[in-house]
Amino acid sequence: MMRSLMFMVNEKMCCGTHIDKRYEDSLITLRVGAENYQKEILKEECLPMDFTGRPMEGYTVITSDGHDMGEDLTYWIKLGLS
């Protein structure tokens, strides 16, 4: 779908990896859900998932600044699982 590696939980996308040409960086794709989206998207390292020119609400990408530390990555994965 997006030339990335995705991890599914209960037949739904949880998280994945993506190398983005725009950012020239490895990004984490993450399903945060509609209820968390508005809060999380305000964070500098959290961007809307937008591969087609139309952002998908409830889905984000996390820049390397947001997942370069183990505790940061743990936070995002737990959020994706919730």
N, C-alpha and C. Protein backbone atom coordinates (compact mmCIF):
# COMPACT_ATOMS: atom_id res chain seq x y z
N MET A 1 0.83 -1.20 0.00
CA MET A 1 0.00 0.00 0.00
C MET A 1 0.87 1.25 0.00
N MET A 2 1.82 1.36 0.92
CA MET A 2 2.62 2.58 1.04
C MET A 2 4.11 2.28 0.97
N ARG A 3 4.48 1.12 0.45
CA ARG A 3 5.88 0.72 0.41
C ARG A 3 6.54 0.81 1.79
N SER A 4 5.89 0.22 2.72
CA SER A 4 6.42 0.26 4.08
C SER A 4 6.11 -1.06 4.77
N LEU A 5 6.68 -1.22 5.93
CA LEU A 5 6.44 -2.39 6.75
C LEU A 5 5.37 -2.02 7.78
N MET A 6 4.29 -2.77 7.81
CA MET A 6 3.19 -2.49 8.74
C MET A 6 3.01 -3.64 9.72
N PHE A 7 2.61 -3.28 10.92
CA PHE A 7 2.28 -4.26 11.94
C PHE A 7 0.80 -4.14 12.25
N MET A 8 0.11 -5.26 12.15
CA MET A 8 -1.33 -5.29 12.37
C MET A 8 -1.63 -5.89 13.74
N VAL A 9 -2.67 -5.37 14.39
CA VAL A 9 -3.15 -5.91 15.66
C VAL A 9 -4.67 -5.99 15.53
N ASN A 10 -5.22 -7.16 15.77
CA ASN A 10 -6.66 -7.37 15.63
C ASN A 10 -7.17 -6.92 14.26
N GLU A 11 -6.40 -7.24 13.23
CA GLU A 11 -6.73 -6.95 11.84
C GLU A 11 -6.82 -5.46 11.53
N LYS A 12 -6.16 -4.62 12.33
CA LYS A 12 -6.12 -3.18 12.10
C LYS A 12 -4.67 -2.73 12.14
N MET A 13 -4.35 -1.69 11.35
CA MET A 13 -3.00 -1.16 11.36
C MET A 13 -2.69 -0.57 12.72
N CYS A 14 -1.56 -0.94 13.28
CA CYS A 14 -1.11 -0.38 14.55
C CYS A 14 0.02 0.61 14.27
N CYS A 15 1.09 0.13 13.66
CA CYS A 15 2.24 0.98 13.39
C CYS A 15 3.06 0.38 12.26
N GLY A 16 4.00 1.15 11.81
CA GLY A 16 4.86 0.66 10.74
C GLY A 16 6.01 1.61 10.52
N THR A 17 6.78 1.30 9.50
CA THR A 17 7.91 2.16 9.14
C THR A 17 7.72 2.65 7.71
N HIS A 18 8.31 3.78 7.43
CA HIS A 18 8.19 4.37 6.10
C HIS A 18 9.38 5.29 5.87
N ILE A 19 10.01 5.17 4.73
CA ILE A 19 11.08 6.10 4.37
C ILE A 19 10.47 7.12 3.42
N ASP A 20 10.42 8.34 3.87
CA ASP A 20 9.75 9.40 3.14
C ASP A 20 10.75 10.24 2.34
N LYS A 21 10.50 10.40 1.06
CA LYS A 21 11.39 11.18 0.20
C LYS A 21 11.34 12.67 0.53
N ARG A 22 10.17 13.16 0.96
CA ARG A 22 10.05 14.58 1.31
C ARG A 22 10.94 14.95 2.48
N TYR A 23 10.93 14.12 3.50
CA TYR A 23 11.69 14.39 4.73
C TYR A 23 13.08 13.76 4.69
N GLU A 24 13.31 12.89 3.70
CA GLU A 24 14.57 12.16 3.60
C GLU A 24 14.92 11.52 4.93
N ASP A 25 13.96 10.85 5.49
CA ASP A 25 14.12 10.30 6.83
C ASP A 25 13.23 9.08 6.99
N SER A 26 13.54 8.27 7.99
CA SER A 26 12.69 7.15 8.36
C SER A 26 11.60 7.67 9.30
N LEU A 27 10.39 7.34 8.97
CA LEU A 27 9.25 7.76 9.78
C LEU A 27 8.55 6.54 10.35
N ILE A 28 7.87 6.74 11.44
CA ILE A 28 7.00 5.70 11.98
C ILE A 28 5.57 6.09 11.63
N THR A 29 4.85 5.17 11.02
CA THR A 29 3.43 5.40 10.77
C THR A 29 2.68 4.82 11.95
N LEU A 30 1.66 5.54 12.40
CA LEU A 30 1.01 5.13 13.64
C LEU A 30 -0.47 5.47 13.60
N ARG A 31 -1.27 4.50 13.97
CA ARG A 31 -2.70 4.73 14.13
C ARG A 31 -2.93 5.16 15.57
N VAL A 32 -3.28 6.43 15.77
CA VAL A 32 -3.50 6.93 17.13
C VAL A 32 -4.98 6.97 17.48
N GLY A 33 -5.83 6.83 16.49
CA GLY A 33 -7.27 6.88 16.72
C GLY A 33 -7.79 8.30 16.74
N ALA A 34 -9.05 8.44 16.42
CA ALA A 34 -9.68 9.76 16.31
C ALA A 34 -9.64 10.52 17.63
N GLU A 35 -9.80 9.80 18.75
CA GLU A 35 -9.86 10.47 20.05
C GLU A 35 -8.51 11.05 20.47
N ASN A 36 -7.41 10.49 20.03
CA ASN A 36 -6.07 10.99 20.38
C ASN A 36 -5.47 11.89 19.32
N TYR A 37 -6.02 11.87 18.14
CA TYR A 37 -5.42 12.56 17.00
C TYR A 37 -5.22 14.06 17.24
N GLN A 38 -6.25 14.74 17.69
CA GLN A 38 -6.17 16.21 17.86
C GLN A 38 -5.11 16.62 18.87
N LYS A 39 -4.92 15.83 19.92
CA LYS A 39 -3.90 16.14 20.93
C LYS A 39 -2.50 15.83 20.41
N GLU A 40 -2.33 14.69 19.81
CA GLU A 40 -1.00 14.25 19.38
C GLU A 40 -0.48 15.05 18.19
N ILE A 41 -1.35 15.47 17.29
CA ILE A 41 -0.92 16.16 16.08
C ILE A 41 -0.31 17.53 16.40
N LEU A 42 -0.54 18.03 17.59
CA LEU A 42 0.05 19.31 18.01
C LEU A 42 1.54 19.19 18.33
N LYS A 43 2.01 17.97 18.54
CA LYS A 43 3.43 17.76 18.85
C LYS A 43 4.27 17.96 17.60
N GLU A 44 5.41 18.59 17.76
CA GLU A 44 6.29 18.94 16.64
C GLU A 44 6.72 17.71 15.83
N GLU A 45 6.97 16.60 16.52
CA GLU A 45 7.45 15.40 15.85
C GLU A 45 6.34 14.55 15.22
N CYS A 46 5.11 14.97 15.41
CA CYS A 46 3.95 14.21 14.93
C CYS A 46 3.32 14.95 13.76
N LEU A 47 3.23 14.28 12.62
CA LEU A 47 2.68 14.90 11.41
C LEU A 47 1.48 14.10 10.92
N PRO A 48 0.57 14.74 10.19
CA PRO A 48 -0.55 13.97 9.64
C PRO A 48 -0.05 12.95 8.62
N MET A 49 -0.67 11.80 8.59
CA MET A 49 -0.34 10.81 7.56
C MET A 49 -1.00 11.27 6.27
N ASP A 50 -0.18 11.65 5.31
CA ASP A 50 -0.70 12.24 4.08
C ASP A 50 0.14 11.75 2.90
N PHE A 51 -0.28 10.63 2.33
CA PHE A 51 0.44 10.08 1.19
C PHE A 51 -0.22 10.46 -0.13
N THR A 52 -1.46 10.94 -0.07
CA THR A 52 -2.22 11.21 -1.29
C THR A 52 -2.62 12.66 -1.46
N GLY A 53 -2.22 13.53 -0.54
CA GLY A 53 -2.66 14.91 -0.58
C GLY A 53 -3.89 15.15 0.28
N ARG A 54 -4.34 14.09 0.93
CA ARG A 54 -5.52 14.18 1.81
C ARG A 54 -5.20 13.46 3.12
N PRO A 55 -4.92 14.21 4.21
CA PRO A 55 -4.54 13.57 5.48
C PRO A 55 -5.61 12.61 5.99
N MET A 56 -5.17 11.54 6.59
CA MET A 56 -6.08 10.55 7.17
C MET A 56 -6.21 10.83 8.67
N GLU A 57 -7.36 11.26 9.10
CA GLU A 57 -7.54 11.55 10.52
C GLU A 57 -7.45 10.26 11.33
N GLY A 58 -6.73 10.35 12.43
CA GLY A 58 -6.53 9.18 13.28
C GLY A 58 -5.22 8.46 12.99
N TYR A 59 -4.54 8.88 11.91
CA TYR A 59 -3.28 8.27 11.52
C TYR A 59 -2.21 9.35 11.43
N THR A 60 -1.03 9.04 11.94
CA THR A 60 0.05 10.02 11.97
C THR A 60 1.36 9.38 11.50
N VAL A 61 2.33 10.24 11.24
CA VAL A 61 3.70 9.78 11.06
C VAL A 61 4.54 10.51 12.11
N ILE A 62 5.52 9.80 12.63
CA ILE A 62 6.38 10.34 13.67
C ILE A 62 7.78 10.48 13.08
N THR A 63 8.33 11.69 13.15
CA THR A 63 9.67 11.92 12.62
C THR A 63 10.70 11.27 13.54
N SER A 64 11.93 11.19 13.07
CA SER A 64 12.98 10.55 13.87
C SER A 64 13.22 11.29 15.18
N ASP A 65 12.93 12.59 15.23
CA ASP A 65 13.07 13.32 16.50
C ASP A 65 12.13 12.78 17.56
N GLY A 66 11.04 12.16 17.15
CA GLY A 66 10.06 11.65 18.10
C GLY A 66 10.24 10.20 18.48
N HIS A 67 11.19 9.51 17.84
CA HIS A 67 11.37 8.11 18.21
C HIS A 67 12.84 7.71 18.32
N ASP A 68 13.71 8.68 18.51
CA ASP A 68 15.13 8.34 18.60
C ASP A 68 15.55 7.81 19.97
N MET A 69 14.72 7.99 20.97
CA MET A 69 15.01 7.47 22.31
C MET A 69 14.05 6.32 22.59
N GLY A 70 14.51 5.34 23.33
CA GLY A 70 13.70 4.16 23.62
C GLY A 70 12.38 4.48 24.28
N GLU A 71 12.39 5.42 25.23
CA GLU A 71 11.14 5.75 25.93
C GLU A 71 10.16 6.46 24.99
N ASP A 72 10.67 7.22 24.03
CA ASP A 72 9.80 7.87 23.05
C ASP A 72 9.12 6.82 22.19
N LEU A 73 9.88 5.87 21.70
CA LEU A 73 9.34 4.81 20.87
C LEU A 73 8.30 4.00 21.65
N THR A 74 8.61 3.71 22.91
CA THR A 74 7.66 2.98 23.76
C THR A 74 6.35 3.73 23.89
N TYR A 75 6.41 5.04 24.08
CA TYR A 75 5.20 5.86 24.19
C TYR A 75 4.33 5.70 22.95
N TRP A 76 4.95 5.85 21.77
CA TRP A 76 4.17 5.79 20.53
C TRP A 76 3.59 4.41 20.27
N ILE A 77 4.36 3.37 20.55
CA ILE A 77 3.85 2.01 20.33
C ILE A 77 2.69 1.72 21.27
N LYS A 78 2.81 2.12 22.53
CA LYS A 78 1.68 1.92 23.47
C LYS A 78 0.45 2.69 23.03
N LEU A 79 0.66 3.89 22.51
CA LEU A 79 -0.48 4.68 22.02
C LEU A 79 -1.13 3.98 20.83
N GLY A 80 -0.32 3.46 19.94
CA GLY A 80 -0.86 2.74 18.80
C GLY A 80 -1.63 1.48 19.20
N LEU A 81 -1.17 0.81 20.23
CA LEU A 81 -1.85 -0.40 20.71
C LEU A 81 -3.15 -0.09 21.44
N SER A 82 -3.21 1.11 22.03
CA SER A 82 -4.45 1.44 22.76
C SER A 82 -5.54 1.78 21.79
